[in-house]
Amino acid sequence: MSATGRLVHRPIGADALIAEVAAPANGAILLFLGVVRELNEGRAVTGIEYSAYEAMAARELEDIAAEAAARFAPAAICVEHRTGTLNIEEASVGIAVAHPHRGVAYDASRWVIEELKRRVPIWKREHYADGTREWVDPTGGNGAGAGTEQGPTLPVLAAGAP
């Protein structure tokens, strides 16, 4: 069982993620890449800018990977989320899961992305073809956590959090 979660400032490499989780005991390796798409809610997108509360985001990514590896044992998990400005078709998140059985690998991957969207303080500002930019809710929810051109709404932190 291995678990790695990290925030990166470089392109996400699919081969590197797979290599990190591969092992002879695993009959399944599942790779998920979340990429920047050209259209969101009817608006033409030219790119996305990702920002993060870096210390907390890195810690949450590590925690999510460790929790997934324990919950779906003997899974090997590697998750990376990129920050900075990304163009269409560039990967913003990569999740590799290896497990002896495919069904568990699929379940683990889905659990990781849902927890990442719910827990990790990463914000995205979409860049539109009309020249405007807008902070959007990364969970795909009702706009909670979205902000204005001035910036995203910060999460409420638990007592003792940095």
C-alpha atoms as a PDB file:
ATOM      1  CA  MET A   1       0.000   0.000   0.000  1.00  0.00           C
ATOM      2  CA  SER A   2       1.347   3.392  -0.964  1.00  0.00           C
ATOM      3  CA  ALA A   3      -0.228   6.805  -0.786  1.00  0.00           C
ATOM      4  CA  THR A   4       1.017  10.045  -2.277  1.00  0.00           C
ATOM      5  CA  GLY A   5      -0.765  13.372  -2.592  1.00  0.00           C
ATOM      6  CA  ARG A   6       0.836  16.579  -3.787  1.00  0.00           C
ATOM      7  CA  LEU A   7       0.218  20.027  -5.140  1.00  0.00           C
ATOM      8  CA  VAL A   8       2.313  20.695  -8.248  1.00  0.00           C
ATOM      9  CA  HIS A   9       3.284  23.710 -10.345  1.00  0.00           C
ATOM     10  CA  ARG A  10       4.191  21.671 -13.423  1.00  0.00           C
ATOM     11  CA  PRO A  11       2.304  19.626 -15.999  1.00  0.00           C
ATOM     12  CA  ILE A  12       0.896  16.358 -14.654  1.00  0.00           C
ATOM     13  CA  GLY A  13       2.453  13.296 -16.284  1.00  0.00           C
ATOM     14  CA  ALA A  14       0.216  10.253 -16.731  1.00  0.00           C
ATOM     15  CA  ASP A  15       3.164   7.857 -17.096  1.00  0.00           C
ATOM     16  CA  ALA A  16       4.746   9.096 -13.864  1.00  0.00           C
ATOM     17  CA  LEU A  17       1.478   8.651 -11.940  1.00  0.00           C
ATOM     18  CA  ILE A  18       1.070   5.108 -13.248  1.00  0.00           C
ATOM     19  CA  ALA A  19       4.680   4.221 -12.440  1.00  0.00           C
ATOM     20  CA  GLU A  20       4.178   5.417  -8.888  1.00  0.00           C
ATOM     21  CA  VAL A  21       1.354   2.940  -8.183  1.00  0.00           C
ATOM     22  CA  ALA A  22       2.306  -0.026 -10.377  1.00  0.00           C
ATOM     23  CA  ALA A  23       3.136  -3.309  -8.651  1.00  0.00           C
ATOM     24  CA  PRO A  24       3.024  -6.986  -9.674  1.00  0.00           C
ATOM     25  CA  ALA A  25       0.199  -7.752  -7.204  1.00  0.00           C
ATOM     26  CA  ASN A  26      -2.208  -5.320  -8.866  1.00  0.00           C
ATOM     27  CA  GLY A  27      -4.554  -6.500 -11.588  1.00  0.00           C
ATOM     28  CA  ALA A  28      -5.913  -3.016 -12.253  1.00  0.00           C
ATOM     29  CA  ILE A  29      -4.418   0.422 -12.648  1.00  0.00           C
ATOM     30  CA  LEU A  30      -6.920   3.193 -13.126  1.00  0.00           C
ATOM     31  CA  LEU A  31      -5.890   6.672 -14.264  1.00  0.00           C
ATOM     32  CA  PHE A  32      -8.163   9.692 -14.034  1.00  0.00           C
ATOM     33  CA  LEU A  33      -7.142  13.019 -15.537  1.00  0.00           C
ATOM     34  CA  GLY A  34      -9.327  16.070 -15.046  1.00  0.00           C
ATOM     35  CA  VAL A  35      -8.610  18.414 -17.953  1.00  0.00           C
ATOM     36  CA  VAL A  36      -9.587  21.958 -18.879  1.00  0.00           C
ATOM     37  CA  ARG A  37     -12.530  21.842 -21.268  1.00  0.00           C
ATOM     38  CA  GLU A  38     -13.439  24.406 -23.924  1.00  0.00           C
ATOM     39  CA  LEU A  39     -17.026  24.999 -22.835  1.00  0.00           C
ATOM     40  CA  ASN A  40     -18.518  25.371 -19.362  1.00  0.00           C
ATOM     41  CA  GLU A  41     -22.193  26.114 -18.769  1.00  0.00           C
ATOM     42  CA  GLY A  42     -22.555  27.418 -22.321  1.00  0.00           C
ATOM     43  CA  ARG A  43     -19.551  29.767 -22.166  1.00  0.00           C
ATOM     44  CA  ALA A  44     -16.440  29.371 -24.314  1.00  0.00           C
ATOM     45  CA  VAL A  45     -13.414  28.855 -22.033  1.00  0.00           C
ATOM     46  CA  THR A  46      -9.817  29.664 -23.056  1.00  0.00           C
ATOM     47  CA  GLY A  47      -8.137  28.493 -19.853  1.00  0.00           C
ATOM     48  CA  ILE A  48      -8.340  28.218 -16.083  1.00  0.00           C
ATOM     49  CA  GLU A  49      -6.213  29.701 -13.329  1.00  0.00           C
ATOM     50  CA  TYR A  50      -5.935  27.532 -10.199  1.00  0.00           C
ATOM     51  CA  SER A  51      -4.961  29.039  -6.829  1.00  0.00           C
ATOM     52  CA  ALA A  52      -4.593  27.292  -3.510  1.00  0.00           C
ATOM     53  CA  TYR A  53      -3.991  27.749   0.174  1.00  0.00           C
ATOM     54  CA  GLU A  54      -0.842  25.765  -0.507  1.00  0.00           C
ATOM     55  CA  ALA A  55       0.140  24.431   2.926  1.00  0.00           C
ATOM     56  CA  MET A  56      -3.377  23.262   3.708  1.00  0.00           C
ATOM     57  CA  ALA A  57      -4.021  21.952   0.173  1.00  0.00           C
ATOM     58  CA  ALA A  58      -0.828  19.867   0.195  1.00  0.00           C
ATOM     59  CA  ARG A  59      -1.691  18.417   3.605  1.00  0.00           C
ATOM     60  CA  GLU A  60      -5.270  17.602   2.568  1.00  0.00           C
ATOM     61  CA  LEU A  61      -4.086  15.897  -0.636  1.00  0.00           C
ATOM     62  CA  GLU A  62      -1.695  13.751   1.421  1.00  0.00           C
ATOM     63  CA  ASP A  63      -4.449  12.932   3.931  1.00  0.00           C
ATOM     64  CA  ILE A  64      -6.947  12.004   1.210  1.00  0.00           C
ATOM     65  CA  ALA A  65      -4.434   9.688  -0.472  1.00  0.00           C
ATOM     66  CA  ALA A  66      -3.616   8.007   2.862  1.00  0.00           C
ATOM     67  CA  GLU A  67      -7.284   7.653   3.788  1.00  0.00           C
ATOM     68  CA  ALA A  68      -8.094   6.144   0.388  1.00  0.00           C
ATOM     69  CA  ALA A  69      -5.214   3.686   0.609  1.00  0.00           C
ATOM     70  CA  ALA A  70      -6.453   2.535   4.028  1.00  0.00           C
ATOM     71  CA  ARG A  71     -10.163   2.499   3.096  1.00  0.00           C
ATOM     72  CA  PHE A  72      -9.590   0.570  -0.151  1.00  0.00           C
ATOM     73  CA  ALA A  73      -6.618  -1.537   1.012  1.00  0.00           C
ATOM     74  CA  PRO A  74      -4.456  -2.838  -0.472  1.00  0.00           C
ATOM     75  CA  ALA A  75      -4.758   0.083  -2.907  1.00  0.00           C
ATOM     76  CA  ALA A  76      -1.860   2.227  -4.048  1.00  0.00           C
ATOM     77  CA  ILE A  77      -2.922   5.845  -4.597  1.00  0.00           C
ATOM     78  CA  CYS A  78      -1.207   8.835  -6.175  1.00  0.00           C
ATOM     79  CA  VAL A  79      -3.026  12.154  -6.578  1.00  0.00           C
ATOM     80  CA  GLU A  80      -1.672  15.438  -7.915  1.00  0.00           C
ATOM     81  CA  HIS A  81      -3.393  18.778  -8.395  1.00  0.00           C
ATOM     82  CA  ARG A  82      -1.796  21.511 -10.445  1.00  0.00           C
ATOM     83  CA  THR A  83      -1.882  25.234  -9.726  1.00  0.00           C
ATOM     84  CA  GLY A  84      -1.229  28.133 -12.067  1.00  0.00           C
ATOM     85  CA  THR A  85      -2.732  28.974 -15.440  1.00  0.00           C
ATOM     86  CA  LEU A  86      -3.710  26.025 -17.629  1.00  0.00           C
ATOM     87  CA  ASN A  87      -4.812  25.923 -21.256  1.00  0.00           C
ATOM     88  CA  ILE A  88      -7.550  23.845 -22.862  1.00  0.00           C
ATOM     89  CA  GLU A  89      -6.871  20.084 -22.586  1.00  0.00           C
ATOM     90  CA  GLU A  90      -4.165  20.472 -19.922  1.00  0.00           C
ATOM     91  CA  ALA A  91      -4.612  18.269 -16.850  1.00  0.00           C
ATOM     92  CA  SER A  92      -5.467  20.031 -13.605  1.00  0.00           C
ATOM     93  CA  VAL A  93      -5.767  16.860 -11.519  1.00  0.00           C
ATOM     94  CA  GLY A  94      -4.388  13.355 -11.900  1.00  0.00           C
ATOM     95  CA  ILE A  95      -5.357  10.313  -9.851  1.00  0.00           C
ATOM     96  CA  ALA A  96      -3.757   6.902 -10.267  1.00  0.00           C
ATOM     97  CA  VAL A  97      -5.115   3.939  -8.325  1.00  0.00           C
ATOM     98  CA  ALA A  98      -3.757   0.406  -8.398  1.00  0.00           C
ATOM     99  CA  HIS A  99      -5.491  -2.554  -6.765  1.00  0.00           C
ATOM    100  CA  PRO A 100      -5.729  -6.300  -7.294  1.00  0.00           C
ATOM    101  CA  HIS A 101      -9.344  -5.795  -8.520  1.00  0.00           C
ATOM    102  CA  ARG A 102     -10.786  -3.233 -10.972  1.00  0.00           C
ATOM    103  CA  GLY A 103     -14.043  -2.532  -9.123  1.00  0.00           C
ATOM    104  CA  VAL A 104     -12.210  -1.386  -6.025  1.00  0.00           C
ATOM    105  CA  ALA A 105      -9.843   0.736  -8.155  1.00  0.00           C
ATOM    106  CA  TYR A 106     -12.845   2.527  -9.697  1.00  0.00           C
ATOM    107  CA  ASP A 107     -14.459   3.058  -6.286  1.00  0.00           C
ATOM    108  CA  ALA A 108     -11.235   4.422  -4.816  1.00  0.00           C
ATOM    109  CA  SER A 109     -10.668   6.833  -7.691  1.00  0.00           C
ATOM    110  CA  ARG A 110     -14.209   8.198  -7.430  1.00  0.00           C
ATOM    111  CA  TRP A 111     -13.852   8.583  -3.656  1.00  0.00           C
ATOM    112  CA  VAL A 112     -10.562  10.486  -4.060  1.00  0.00           C
ATOM    113  CA  ILE A 113     -11.927  13.023  -6.577  1.00  0.00           C
ATOM    114  CA  GLU A 114     -15.086  13.635  -4.543  1.00  0.00           C
ATOM    115  CA  GLU A 115     -13.075  14.180  -1.334  1.00  0.00           C
ATOM    116  CA  LEU A 116     -10.616  16.422  -3.160  1.00  0.00           C
ATOM    117  CA  LYS A 117     -13.445  18.617  -4.467  1.00  0.00           C
ATOM    118  CA  ARG A 118     -15.037  18.762  -1.025  1.00  0.00           C
ATOM    119  CA  ARG A 119     -11.974  19.270   1.196  1.00  0.00           C
ATOM    120  CA  VAL A 120      -9.001  20.767  -0.616  1.00  0.00           C
ATOM    121  CA  PRO A 121      -8.773  24.594  -0.663  1.00  0.00           C
ATOM    122  CA  ILE A 122      -8.143  25.058  -4.371  1.00  0.00           C
ATOM    123  CA  TRP A 123      -9.986  27.730  -6.333  1.00  0.00           C
ATOM    124  CA  LYS A 124     -10.413  28.176 -10.044  1.00  0.00           C
ATOM    125  CA  ARG A 125     -10.920  31.261 -12.153  1.00  0.00           C
ATOM    126  CA  GLU A 126     -12.114  30.561 -15.645  1.00  0.00           C
ATOM    127  CA  HIS A 127     -10.879  32.678 -18.537  1.00  0.00           C
ATOM    128  CA  TYR A 128     -13.539  33.158 -21.215  1.00  0.00           C
ATOM    129  CA  ALA A 129     -13.298  33.801 -24.936  1.00  0.00           C
ATOM    130  CA  ASP A 130     -15.006  37.190 -24.459  1.00  0.00           C
ATOM    131  CA  GLY A 131     -12.030  38.353 -22.347  1.00  0.00           C
ATOM    132  CA  THR A 132     -13.760  38.103 -18.952  1.00  0.00           C
ATOM    133  CA  ARG A 133     -12.612  36.007 -16.013  1.00  0.00           C
ATOM    134  CA  GLU A 134     -14.719  34.605 -13.225  1.00  0.00           C
ATOM    135  CA  TRP A 135     -14.128  32.599 -10.061  1.00  0.00           C
ATOM    136  CA  VAL A 136     -16.240  29.444 -10.165  1.00  0.00           C
ATOM    137  CA  ASP A 137     -17.248  26.828  -7.619  1.00  0.00           C
ATOM    138  CA  PRO A 138     -14.808  23.915  -8.097  1.00  0.00           C
ATOM    139  CA  THR A 139     -17.316  21.456  -6.610  1.00  0.00           C
ATOM    140  CA  GLY A 140     -19.770  22.142  -9.418  1.00  0.00           C
ATOM    141  CA  GLY A 141     -22.320  23.052  -6.765  1.00  0.00           C
ATOM    142  CA  ASN A 142     -24.566  26.043  -6.355  1.00  0.00           C
ATOM    143  CA  GLY A 143     -21.821  28.659  -6.337  1.00  0.00           C
ATOM    144  CA  ALA A 144     -20.893  28.326  -2.658  1.00  0.00           C
ATOM    145  CA  GLY A 145     -17.218  29.144  -2.426  1.00  0.00           C
ATOM    146  CA  ALA A 146     -17.257  31.105  -5.664  1.00  0.00           C
ATOM    147  CA  GLY A 147     -16.231  34.697  -5.565  1.00  0.00           C
ATOM    148  CA  THR A 148     -15.992  37.820  -7.621  1.00  0.00           C
ATOM    149  CA  GLU A 149     -13.265  39.216  -9.826  1.00  0.00           C
ATOM    150  CA  GLN A 150     -11.576  40.337  -6.588  1.00  0.00           C
ATOM    151  CA  GLY A 151     -11.017  36.725  -5.549  1.00  0.00           C
ATOM    152  CA  PRO A 152     -12.526  33.574  -4.103  1.00  0.00           C
ATOM    153  CA  THR A 153     -14.250  33.235  -0.786  1.00  0.00           C
ATOM    154  CA  LEU A 154     -11.865  31.613   1.691  1.00  0.00           C
ATOM    155  CA  PRO A 155     -12.925  28.433   3.498  1.00  0.00           C
ATOM    156  CA  VAL A 156     -13.847  28.495   7.154  1.00  0.00           C
ATOM    157  CA  LEU A 157     -11.074  26.638   8.966  1.00  0.00           C
ATOM    158  CA  ALA A 158     -11.495  24.411  11.962  1.00  0.00           C
ATOM    159  CA  ALA A 159      -9.964  25.445  15.258  1.00  0.00           C
ATOM    160  CA  GLY A 160      -6.243  24.731  15.272  1.00  0.00           C
ATOM    161  CA  ALA A 161      -5.938  24.783  11.473  1.00  0.00           C
ATOM    162  CA  PRO A 162      -3.182  26.987  10.019  1.00  0.00           C
END
